[in-house]
Amino acid sequence: MRRTIARYTVKPGQEEHNAQLVRAVYRELAELAPAGFTYATYRLHDGRTFVHVAEQEDDTPGPLGGLGAFHEFQRAIGERCEWGPIVGNAERIGRFGD
């Protein structure tokens, strides 16, 4: 299983715009319903830091790159961000429950 985590902090005033772009990605994922792929996004306590966690069961490319909403999300990410994004693979050490 391949896990990718992205973390970034948006500039003040960009929080809701960023969240709207992320929600559009989830709407498109719901329509596509890709097998073997899970995706979660978290907004941290400061309200401006976002963490995305993508998990692909095999080594095939995940579906995000083929989504129009994801391309729109990425289009101006550098302009929205105060810090990051930092993207990398992650190793799961443990997990409990669903």
PDB file of N, CA and C in Angstrom:
ATOM      1  N   MET A   1       0.838  -1.175   0.000  1.00  0.00           N
ATOM      2  CA  MET A   1       0.000   0.000   0.000  1.00  0.00           C
ATOM      3  C   MET A   1       0.884   1.239   0.000  1.00  0.00           C
ATOM      4  N   ARG A   2       0.523   2.179  -0.802  1.00  0.00           N
ATOM      5  CA  ARG A   2       1.253   3.445  -0.876  1.00  0.00           C
ATOM      6  C   ARG A   2       0.437   4.539  -0.189  1.00  0.00           C
ATOM      7  N   ARG A   3       1.091   5.264   0.706  1.00  0.00           N
ATOM      8  CA  ARG A   3       0.457   6.383   1.417  1.00  0.00           C
ATOM      9  C   ARG A   3       1.207   7.664   1.103  1.00  0.00           C
ATOM     10  N   THR A   4       0.465   8.687   0.799  1.00  0.00           N
ATOM     11  CA  THR A   4       1.045   9.995   0.534  1.00  0.00           C
ATOM     12  C   THR A   4       0.367  11.008   1.435  1.00  0.00           C
ATOM     13  N   ILE A   5       1.183  11.861   2.051  1.00  0.00           N
ATOM     14  CA  ILE A   5       0.649  12.903   2.931  1.00  0.00           C
ATOM     15  C   ILE A   5       1.123  14.255   2.425  1.00  0.00           C
ATOM     16  N   ALA A   6       0.191  15.201   2.384  1.00  0.00           N
ATOM     17  CA  ALA A   6       0.513  16.583   2.021  1.00  0.00           C
ATOM     18  C   ALA A   6       0.076  17.482   3.165  1.00  0.00           C
ATOM     19  N   ARG A   7       0.933  18.442   3.499  1.00  0.00           N
ATOM     20  CA  ARG A   7       0.623  19.370   4.586  1.00  0.00           C
ATOM     21  C   ARG A   7       1.013  20.771   4.145  1.00  0.00           C
ATOM     22  N   TYR A   8       0.136  21.733   4.453  1.00  0.00           N
ATOM     23  CA  TYR A   8       0.400  23.121   4.093  1.00  0.00           C
ATOM     24  C   TYR A   8      -0.460  24.039   4.958  1.00  0.00           C
ATOM     25  N   THR A   9      -0.080  25.301   5.002  1.00  0.00           N
ATOM     26  CA  THR A   9      -0.834  26.322   5.718  1.00  0.00           C
ATOM     27  C   THR A   9      -1.214  27.404   4.721  1.00  0.00           C
ATOM     28  N   VAL A  10      -2.509  27.695   4.662  1.00  0.00           N
ATOM     29  CA  VAL A  10      -2.967  28.733   3.746  1.00  0.00           C
ATOM     30  C   VAL A  10      -2.839  30.105   4.394  1.00  0.00           C
ATOM     31  N   LYS A  11      -2.801  31.121   3.558  1.00  0.00           N
ATOM     32  CA  LYS A  11      -2.723  32.505   4.030  1.00  0.00           C
ATOM     33  C   LYS A  11      -4.035  32.884   4.719  1.00  0.00           C
ATOM     34  N   PRO A  12      -3.991  33.827   5.648  1.00  0.00           N
ATOM     35  CA  PRO A  12      -5.227  34.291   6.272  1.00  0.00           C
ATOM     36  C   PRO A  12      -6.212  34.751   5.196  1.00  0.00           C
ATOM     37  N   GLY A  13      -7.462  34.350   5.375  1.00  0.00           N
ATOM     38  CA  GLY A  13      -8.504  34.697   4.425  1.00  0.00           C
ATOM     39  C   GLY A  13      -8.701  33.675   3.323  1.00  0.00           C
ATOM     40  N   GLN A  14      -7.826  32.678   3.240  1.00  0.00           N
ATOM     41  CA  GLN A  14      -7.922  31.641   2.198  1.00  0.00           C
ATOM     42  C   GLN A  14      -8.505  30.321   2.719  1.00  0.00           C
ATOM     43  N   GLU A  15      -8.828  30.281   4.000  1.00  0.00           N
ATOM     44  CA  GLU A  15      -9.258  29.030   4.627  1.00  0.00           C
ATOM     45  C   GLU A  15     -10.500  28.431   3.954  1.00  0.00           C
ATOM     46  N   GLU A  16     -11.546  29.220   3.808  1.00  0.00           N
ATOM     47  CA  GLU A  16     -12.794  28.688   3.255  1.00  0.00           C
ATOM     48  C   GLU A  16     -12.690  28.426   1.763  1.00  0.00           C
ATOM     49  N   HIS A  17     -11.976  29.268   1.051  1.00  0.00           N
ATOM     50  CA  HIS A  17     -11.778  29.031  -0.380  1.00  0.00           C
ATOM     51  C   HIS A  17     -11.061  27.700  -0.589  1.00  0.00           C
ATOM     52  N   ASN A  18     -10.025  27.454   0.188  1.00  0.00           N
ATOM     53  CA  ASN A  18      -9.297  26.191   0.092  1.00  0.00           C
ATOM     54  C   ASN A  18     -10.212  25.017   0.430  1.00  0.00           C
ATOM     55  N   ALA A  19     -10.995  25.153   1.491  1.00  0.00           N
ATOM     56  CA  ALA A  19     -11.908  24.079   1.894  1.00  0.00           C
ATOM     57  C   ALA A  19     -12.936  23.802   0.789  1.00  0.00           C
ATOM     58  N   GLN A  20     -13.413  24.825   0.116  1.00  0.00           N
ATOM     59  CA  GLN A  20     -14.360  24.634  -0.988  1.00  0.00           C
ATOM     60  C   GLN A  20     -13.722  23.858  -2.131  1.00  0.00           C
ATOM     61  N   LEU A  21     -12.481  24.191  -2.458  1.00  0.00           N
ATOM     62  CA  LEU A  21     -11.774  23.466  -3.509  1.00  0.00           C
ATOM     63  C   LEU A  21     -11.584  21.997  -3.133  1.00  0.00           C
ATOM     64  N   VAL A  22     -11.275  21.739  -1.865  1.00  0.00           N
ATOM     65  CA  VAL A  22     -11.101  20.359  -1.389  1.00  0.00           C
ATOM     66  C   VAL A  22     -12.427  19.610  -1.472  1.00  0.00           C
ATOM     67  N   ARG A  23     -13.514  20.255  -1.074  1.00  0.00           N
ATOM     68  CA  ARG A  23     -14.830  19.598  -1.128  1.00  0.00           C
ATOM     69  C   ARG A  23     -15.204  19.231  -2.561  1.00  0.00           C
ATOM     70  N   ALA A  24     -14.813  20.044  -3.518  1.00  0.00           N
ATOM     71  CA  ALA A  24     -15.089  19.738  -4.924  1.00  0.00           C
ATOM     72  C   ALA A  24     -14.361  18.460  -5.352  1.00  0.00           C
ATOM     73  N   VAL A  25     -13.159  18.253  -4.835  1.00  0.00           N
ATOM     74  CA  VAL A  25     -12.421  17.016  -5.125  1.00  0.00           C
ATOM     75  C   VAL A  25     -13.203  15.819  -4.578  1.00  0.00           C
ATOM     76  N   TYR A  26     -13.742  15.947  -3.373  1.00  0.00           N
ATOM     77  CA  TYR A  26     -14.502  14.848  -2.782  1.00  0.00           C
ATOM     78  C   TYR A  26     -15.786  14.564  -3.554  1.00  0.00           C
ATOM     79  N   ARG A  27     -16.429  15.594  -4.061  1.00  0.00           N
ATOM     80  CA  ARG A  27     -17.634  15.371  -4.870  1.00  0.00           C
ATOM     81  C   ARG A  27     -17.293  14.564  -6.120  1.00  0.00           C
ATOM     82  N   GLU A  28     -16.185  14.911  -6.771  1.00  0.00           N
ATOM     83  CA  GLU A  28     -15.781  14.183  -7.972  1.00  0.00           C
ATOM     84  C   GLU A  28     -15.347  12.754  -7.628  1.00  0.00           C
ATOM     85  N   LEU A  29     -14.648  12.578  -6.515  1.00  0.00           N
ATOM     86  CA  LEU A  29     -14.278  11.224  -6.087  1.00  0.00           C
ATOM     87  C   LEU A  29     -15.521  10.372  -5.816  1.00  0.00           C
ATOM     88  N   ALA A  30     -16.549  10.970  -5.222  1.00  0.00           N
ATOM     89  CA  ALA A  30     -17.783  10.233  -4.927  1.00  0.00           C
ATOM     90  C   ALA A  30     -18.440   9.745  -6.217  1.00  0.00           C
ATOM     91  N   GLU A  31     -18.389  10.544  -7.268  1.00  0.00           N
ATOM     92  CA  GLU A  31     -18.949  10.141  -8.560  1.00  0.00           C
ATOM     93  C   GLU A  31     -18.130   9.014  -9.187  1.00  0.00           C
ATOM     94  N   LEU A  32     -16.821   9.107  -9.071  1.00  0.00           N
ATOM     95  CA  LEU A  32     -15.920   8.133  -9.682  1.00  0.00           C
ATOM     96  C   LEU A  32     -15.852   6.829  -8.882  1.00  0.00           C
ATOM     97  N   ALA A  33     -15.892   6.932  -7.560  1.00  0.00           N
ATOM     98  CA  ALA A  33     -15.812   5.792  -6.637  1.00  0.00           C
ATOM     99  C   ALA A  33     -14.666   4.845  -6.986  1.00  0.00           C
ATOM    100  N   PRO A  34     -13.425   5.337  -6.962  1.00  0.00           N
ATOM    101  CA  PRO A  34     -12.294   4.488  -7.345  1.00  0.00           C
ATOM    102  C   PRO A  34     -12.041   3.375  -6.323  1.00  0.00           C
ATOM    103  N   ALA A  35     -11.872   2.174  -6.823  1.00  0.00           N
ATOM    104  CA  ALA A  35     -11.597   1.027  -5.950  1.00  0.00           C
ATOM    105  C   ALA A  35     -10.156   1.088  -5.460  1.00  0.00           C
ATOM    106  N   GLY A  36      -9.950   0.658  -4.230  1.00  0.00           N
ATOM    107  CA  GLY A  36      -8.601   0.566  -3.684  1.00  0.00           C
ATOM    108  C   GLY A  36      -7.974   1.882  -3.323  1.00  0.00           C
ATOM    109  N   PHE A  37      -8.775   2.934  -3.218  1.00  0.00           N
ATOM    110  CA  PHE A  37      -8.246   4.269  -2.924  1.00  0.00           C
ATOM    111  C   PHE A  37      -9.033   4.883  -1.783  1.00  0.00           C
ATOM    112  N   THR A  38      -8.307   5.414  -0.800  1.00  0.00           N
ATOM    113  CA  THR A  38      -8.947   6.184   0.269  1.00  0.00           C
ATOM    114  C   THR A  38      -8.252   7.530   0.363  1.00  0.00           C
ATOM    115  N   TYR A  39      -9.010   8.514   0.814  1.00  0.00           N
ATOM    116  CA  TYR A  39      -8.504   9.880   0.863  1.00  0.00           C
ATOM    117  C   TYR A  39      -9.168  10.587   2.027  1.00  0.00           C
ATOM    118  N   ALA A  40      -8.394  11.302   2.798  1.00  0.00           N
ATOM    119  CA  ALA A  40      -8.924  12.057   3.929  1.00  0.00           C
ATOM    120  C   ALA A  40      -8.212  13.395   3.998  1.00  0.00           C
ATOM    121  N   THR A  41      -8.948  14.416   4.378  1.00  0.00           N
ATOM    122  CA  THR A  41      -8.378  15.753   4.561  1.00  0.00           C
ATOM    123  C   THR A  41      -8.780  16.262   5.931  1.00  0.00           C
ATOM    124  N   TYR A  42      -7.822  16.864   6.624  1.00  0.00           N
ATOM    125  CA  TYR A  42      -8.041  17.402   7.959  1.00  0.00           C
ATOM    126  C   TYR A  42      -7.624  18.866   7.980  1.00  0.00           C
ATOM    127  N   ARG A  43      -8.405  19.679   8.689  1.00  0.00           N
ATOM    128  CA  ARG A  43      -8.005  21.058   8.971  1.00  0.00           C
ATOM    129  C   ARG A  43      -7.586  21.070  10.433  1.00  0.00           C
ATOM    130  N   LEU A  44      -6.375  21.515  10.698  1.00  0.00           N
ATOM    131  CA  LEU A  44      -5.843  21.468  12.058  1.00  0.00           C
ATOM    132  C   LEU A  44      -6.375  22.606  12.915  1.00  0.00           C
ATOM    133  N   HIS A  45      -6.026  22.571  14.187  1.00  0.00           N
ATOM    134  CA  HIS A  45      -6.559  23.471  15.202  1.00  0.00           C
ATOM    135  C   HIS A  45      -6.388  24.950  14.885  1.00  0.00           C
ATOM    136  N   ASP A  46      -5.375  25.313  14.114  1.00  0.00           N
ATOM    137  CA  ASP A  46      -5.171  26.739  13.809  1.00  0.00           C
ATOM    138  C   ASP A  46      -6.142  27.238  12.748  1.00  0.00           C
ATOM    139  N   GLY A  47      -6.871  26.328  12.102  1.00  0.00           N
ATOM    140  CA  GLY A  47      -7.861  26.703  11.103  1.00  0.00           C
ATOM    141  C   GLY A  47      -7.284  26.960   9.721  1.00  0.00           C
ATOM    142  N   ARG A  48      -5.969  27.009   9.603  1.00  0.00           N
ATOM    143  CA  ARG A  48      -5.330  27.326   8.324  1.00  0.00           C
ATOM    144  C   ARG A  48      -4.415  26.234   7.810  1.00  0.00           C
ATOM    145  N   THR A  49      -4.105  25.245   8.641  1.00  0.00           N
ATOM    146  CA  THR A  49      -3.229  24.160   8.227  1.00  0.00           C
ATOM    147  C   THR A  49      -4.077  22.955   7.829  1.00  0.00           C
ATOM    148  N   PHE A  50      -3.789  22.439   6.640  1.00  0.00           N
ATOM    149  CA  PHE A  50      -4.518  21.298   6.089  1.00  0.00           C
ATOM    150  C   PHE A  50      -3.561  20.131   5.914  1.00  0.00           C
ATOM    151  N   VAL A  51      -4.082  18.934   6.159  1.00  0.00           N
ATOM    152  CA  VAL A  51      -3.328  17.705   5.959  1.00  0.00           C
ATOM    153  C   VAL A  51      -4.195  16.776   5.117  1.00  0.00           C
ATOM    154  N   HIS A  52      -3.620  16.290   4.018  1.00  0.00           N
ATOM    155  CA  HIS A  52      -4.305  15.350   3.133  1.00  0.00           C
ATOM    156  C   HIS A  52      -3.575  14.017   3.222  1.00  0.00           C
ATOM    157  N   VAL A  53      -4.336  12.932   3.336  1.00  0.00           N
ATOM    158  CA  VAL A  53      -3.763  11.597   3.407  1.00  0.00           C
ATOM    159  C   VAL A  53      -4.420  10.743   2.320  1.00  0.00           C
ATOM    160  N   ALA A  54      -3.622  10.293   1.352  1.00  0.00           N
ATOM    161  CA  ALA A  54      -4.111   9.437   0.271  1.00  0.00           C
ATOM    162  C   ALA A  54      -3.495   8.057   0.431  1.00  0.00           C
ATOM    163  N   GLU A  55      -4.309   7.026   0.268  1.00  0.00           N
ATOM    164  CA  GLU A  55      -3.827   5.649   0.339  1.00  0.00           C
ATOM    165  C   GLU A  55      -4.294   4.897  -0.895  1.00  0.00           C
ATOM    166  N   GLN A  56      -3.329   4.303  -1.595  1.00  0.00           N
ATOM    167  CA  GLN A  56      -3.601   3.502  -2.786  1.00  0.00           C
ATOM    168  C   GLN A  56      -3.184   2.075  -2.482  1.00  0.00           C
ATOM    169  N   GLU A  57      -4.088   1.107  -2.675  1.00  0.00           N
ATOM    170  CA  GLU A  57      -3.810  -0.289  -2.317  1.00  0.00           C
ATOM    171  C   GLU A  57      -2.656  -0.905  -3.088  1.00  0.00           C
ATOM    172  N   ASP A  58      -2.459  -0.488  -4.320  1.00  0.00           N
ATOM    173  CA  ASP A  58      -1.389  -1.082  -5.128  1.00  0.00           C
ATOM    174  C   ASP A  58      -0.491   0.025  -5.670  1.00  0.00           C
ATOM    175  N   ASP A  59       0.365  -0.318  -6.588  1.00  0.00           N
ATOM    176  CA  ASP A  59       1.316   0.657  -7.123  1.00  0.00           C
ATOM    177  C   ASP A  59       0.801   1.412  -8.338  1.00  0.00           C
ATOM    178  N   THR A  60      -0.467   1.232  -8.679  1.00  0.00           N
ATOM    179  CA  THR A  60      -1.018   1.977  -9.805  1.00  0.00           C
ATOM    180  C   THR A  60      -1.186   3.442  -9.401  1.00  0.00           C
ATOM    181  N   PRO A  61      -1.180   4.331 -10.372  1.00  0.00           N
ATOM    182  CA  PRO A  61      -1.391   5.744 -10.038  1.00  0.00           C
ATOM    183  C   PRO A  61      -2.775   5.945  -9.421  1.00  0.00           C
ATOM    184  N   GLY A  62      -2.855   6.771  -8.418  1.00  0.00           N
ATOM    185  CA  GLY A  62      -4.143   7.079  -7.810  1.00  0.00           C
ATOM    186  C   GLY A  62      -4.985   7.932  -8.745  1.00  0.00           C
ATOM    187  N   PRO A  63      -6.243   8.095  -8.428  1.00  0.00           N
ATOM    188  CA  PRO A  63      -7.163   8.791  -9.321  1.00  0.00           C
ATOM    189  C   PRO A  63      -7.077  10.314  -9.293  1.00  0.00           C
ATOM    190  N   LEU A  64      -6.402  10.890  -8.317  1.00  0.00           N
ATOM    191  CA  LEU A  64      -6.431  12.343  -8.166  1.00  0.00           C
ATOM    192  C   LEU A  64      -5.949  13.075  -9.411  1.00  0.00           C
ATOM    193  N   GLY A  65      -4.900  12.586 -10.031  1.00  0.00           N
ATOM    194  CA  GLY A  65      -4.337  13.249 -11.194  1.00  0.00           C
ATOM    195  C   GLY A  65      -5.283  13.359 -12.366  1.00  0.00           C
ATOM    196  N   GLY A  66      -6.314  12.523 -12.393  1.00  0.00           N
ATOM    197  CA  GLY A  66      -7.290  12.556 -13.478  1.00  0.00           C
ATOM    198  C   GLY A  66      -8.528  13.369 -13.187  1.00  0.00           C
ATOM    199  N   LEU A  67      -8.581  13.996 -12.029  1.00  0.00           N
ATOM    200  CA  LEU A  67      -9.775  14.751 -11.639  1.00  0.00           C
ATOM    201  C   LEU A  67      -9.638  16.231 -11.992  1.00  0.00           C
ATOM    202  N   GLY A  68     -10.648  16.761 -12.656  1.00  0.00           N
ATOM    203  CA  GLY A  68     -10.669  18.187 -12.965  1.00  0.00           C
ATOM    204  C   GLY A  68     -10.642  19.043 -11.702  1.00  0.00           C
ATOM    205  N   ALA A  69     -11.378  18.612 -10.676  1.00  0.00           N
ATOM    206  CA  ALA A  69     -11.423  19.369  -9.423  1.00  0.00           C
ATOM    207  C   ALA A  69     -10.065  19.394  -8.737  1.00  0.00           C
ATOM    208  N   PHE A  70      -9.314  18.305  -8.860  1.00  0.00           N
ATOM    209  CA  PHE A  70      -7.987  18.276  -8.248  1.00  0.00           C
ATOM    210  C   PHE A  70      -7.033  19.207  -8.998  1.00  0.00           C
ATOM    211  N   HIS A  71      -7.147  19.260 -10.311  1.00  0.00           N
ATOM    212  CA  HIS A  71      -6.328  20.198 -11.089  1.00  0.00           C
ATOM    213  C   HIS A  71      -6.659  21.641 -10.707  1.00  0.00           C
ATOM    214  N   GLU A  72      -7.943  21.919 -10.495  1.00  0.00           N
ATOM    215  CA  GLU A  72      -8.351  23.262 -10.073  1.00  0.00           C
ATOM    216  C   GLU A  72      -7.801  23.564  -8.679  1.00  0.00           C
ATOM    217  N   PHE A  73      -7.842  22.584  -7.783  1.00  0.00           N
ATOM    218  CA  PHE A  73      -7.288  22.744  -6.439  1.00  0.00           C
ATOM    219  C   PHE A  73      -5.798  23.067  -6.510  1.00  0.00           C
ATOM    220  N   GLN A  74      -5.059  22.375  -7.370  1.00  0.00           N
ATOM    221  CA  GLN A  74      -3.612  22.565  -7.466  1.00  0.00           C
ATOM    222  C   GLN A  74      -3.220  23.841  -8.212  1.00  0.00           C
ATOM    223  N   ARG A  75      -4.107  24.335  -9.062  1.00  0.00           N
ATOM    224  CA  ARG A  75      -3.765  25.415  -9.977  1.00  0.00           C
ATOM    225  C   ARG A  75      -3.106  26.608  -9.283  1.00  0.00           C
ATOM    226  N   ALA A  76      -3.643  27.090  -8.211  1.00  0.00           N
ATOM    227  CA  ALA A  76      -3.099  28.279  -7.546  1.00  0.00           C
ATOM    228  C   ALA A  76      -2.713  27.997  -6.099  1.00  0.00           C
ATOM    229  N   ILE A  77      -2.335  26.761  -5.807  1.00  0.00           N
ATOM    230  CA  ILE A  77      -2.005  26.403  -4.423  1.00  0.00           C
ATOM    231  C   ILE A  77      -0.870  27.263  -3.878  1.00  0.00           C
ATOM    232  N   GLY A  78       0.119  27.559  -4.700  1.00  0.00           N
ATOM    233  CA  GLY A  78       1.236  28.382  -4.246  1.00  0.00           C
ATOM    234  C   GLY A  78       0.809  29.777  -3.835  1.00  0.00           C
ATOM    235  N   GLU A  79      -0.199  30.311  -4.502  1.00  0.00           N
ATOM    236  CA  GLU A  79      -0.715  31.642  -4.164  1.00  0.00           C
ATOM    237  C   GLU A  79      -1.538  31.607  -2.890  1.00  0.00           C
ATOM    238  N   ARG A  80      -2.204  30.476  -2.614  1.00  0.00           N
ATOM    239  CA  ARG A  80      -3.030  30.363  -1.405  1.00  0.00           C
ATOM    240  C   ARG A  80      -2.203  30.072  -0.162  1.00  0.00           C
ATOM    241  N   CYS A  81      -1.012  29.484  -0.361  1.00  0.00           N
ATOM    242  CA  CYS A  81      -0.242  28.984   0.786  1.00  0.00           C
ATOM    243  C   CYS A  81       0.703  30.020   1.376  1.00  0.00           C
ATOM    244  N   GLU A  82       0.743  29.999   2.681  1.00  0.00           N
ATOM    245  CA  GLU A  82       1.743  30.748   3.437  1.00  0.00           C
ATOM    246  C   GLU A  82       2.973  29.858   3.637  1.00  0.00           C
ATOM    247  N   TRP A  83       2.726  28.554   3.744  1.00  0.00           N
ATOM    248  CA  TRP A  83       3.779  27.575   3.978  1.00  0.00           C
ATOM    249  C   TRP A  83       3.409  26.278   3.271  1.00  0.00           C
ATOM    250  N   GLY A  84       4.379  25.696   2.582  1.00  0.00           N
ATOM    251  CA  GLY A  84       4.172  24.426   1.909  1.00  0.00           C
ATOM    252  C   GLY A  84       3.586  24.623   0.524  1.00  0.00           C
ATOM    253  N   PRO A  85       3.065  23.594  -0.063  1.00  0.00           N
ATOM    254  CA  PRO A  85       2.825  22.275   0.505  1.00  0.00           C
ATOM    255  C   PRO A  85       4.076  21.392   0.519  1.00  0.00           C
ATOM    256  N   ILE A  86       4.136  20.565   1.522  1.00  0.00           N
ATOM    257  CA  ILE A  86       5.155  19.532   1.642  1.00  0.00           C
ATOM    258  C   ILE A  86       4.441  18.209   1.390  1.00  0.00           C
ATOM    259  N   VAL A  87       4.914  17.445   0.414  1.00  0.00           N
ATOM    260  CA  VAL A  87       4.271  16.191   0.026  1.00  0.00           C
ATOM    261  C   VAL A  87       5.304  15.077   0.094  1.00  0.00           C
ATOM    262  N   GLY A  88       4.908  13.957   0.665  1.00  0.00           N
ATOM    263  CA  GLY A  88       5.821  12.823   0.730  1.00  0.00           C
ATOM    264  C   GLY A  88       5.102  11.537   1.075  1.00  0.00           C
ATOM    265  N   ASN A  89       5.802  10.446   0.916  1.00  0.00           N
ATOM    266  CA  ASN A  89       5.266   9.147   1.283  1.00  0.00           C
ATOM    267  C   ASN A  89       5.340   8.975   2.796  1.00  0.00           C
ATOM    268  N   ALA A  90       4.487   8.102   3.313  1.00  0.00           N
ATOM    269  CA  ALA A  90       4.432   7.884   4.756  1.00  0.00           C
ATOM    270  C   ALA A  90       4.337   6.401   5.050  1.00  0.00           C
ATOM    271  N   GLU A  91       4.964   5.995   6.128  1.00  0.00           N
ATOM    272  CA  GLU A  91       4.888   4.620   6.605  1.00  0.00           C
ATOM    273  C   GLU A  91       3.941   4.558   7.782  1.00  0.00           C
ATOM    274  N   ARG A  92       2.984   3.652   7.719  1.00  0.00           N
ATOM    275  CA  ARG A  92       2.061   3.494   8.837  1.00  0.00           C
ATOM    276  C   ARG A  92       2.748   2.689   9.927  1.00  0.00           C
ATOM    277  N   ILE A  93       2.762   3.222  11.125  1.00  0.00           N
ATOM    278  CA  ILE A  93       3.324   2.542  12.280  1.00  0.00           C
ATOM    279  C   ILE A  93       2.241   1.752  13.001  1.00  0.00           C
ATOM    280  N   GLY A  94       1.041   2.292  13.038  1.00  0.00           N
ATOM    281  CA  GLY A  94      -0.070   1.614  13.688  1.00  0.00           C
ATOM    282  C   GLY A  94      -1.378   2.261  13.312  1.00  0.00           C
ATOM    283  N   ARG A  95      -2.463   1.527  13.543  1.00  0.00           N
ATOM    284  CA  ARG A  95      -3.799   2.048  13.285  1.00  0.00           C
ATOM    285  C   ARG A  95      -4.763   1.194  14.080  1.00  0.00           C
ATOM    286  N   PHE A  96      -5.779   1.845  14.630  1.00  0.00           N
ATOM    287  CA  PHE A  96      -6.794   1.123  15.384  1.00  0.00           C
ATOM    288  C   PHE A  96      -8.144   1.500  14.806  1.00  0.00           C
ATOM    289  N   GLY A  97      -8.998   0.541  14.561  1.00  0.00           N
ATOM    290  CA  GLY A  97     -10.360   0.791  14.096  1.00  0.00           C
ATOM    291  C   GLY A  97     -10.406   1.115  12.611  1.00  0.00           C
ATOM    292  N   ASP A  98     -11.616   1.528  12.196  1.00  0.00           N
ATOM    293  CA  ASP A  98     -11.814   1.826  10.767  1.00  0.00           C
ATOM    294  C   ASP A  98     -11.234   3.118  10.398  1.00  0.00           C
TER     295      ASP A  98
END
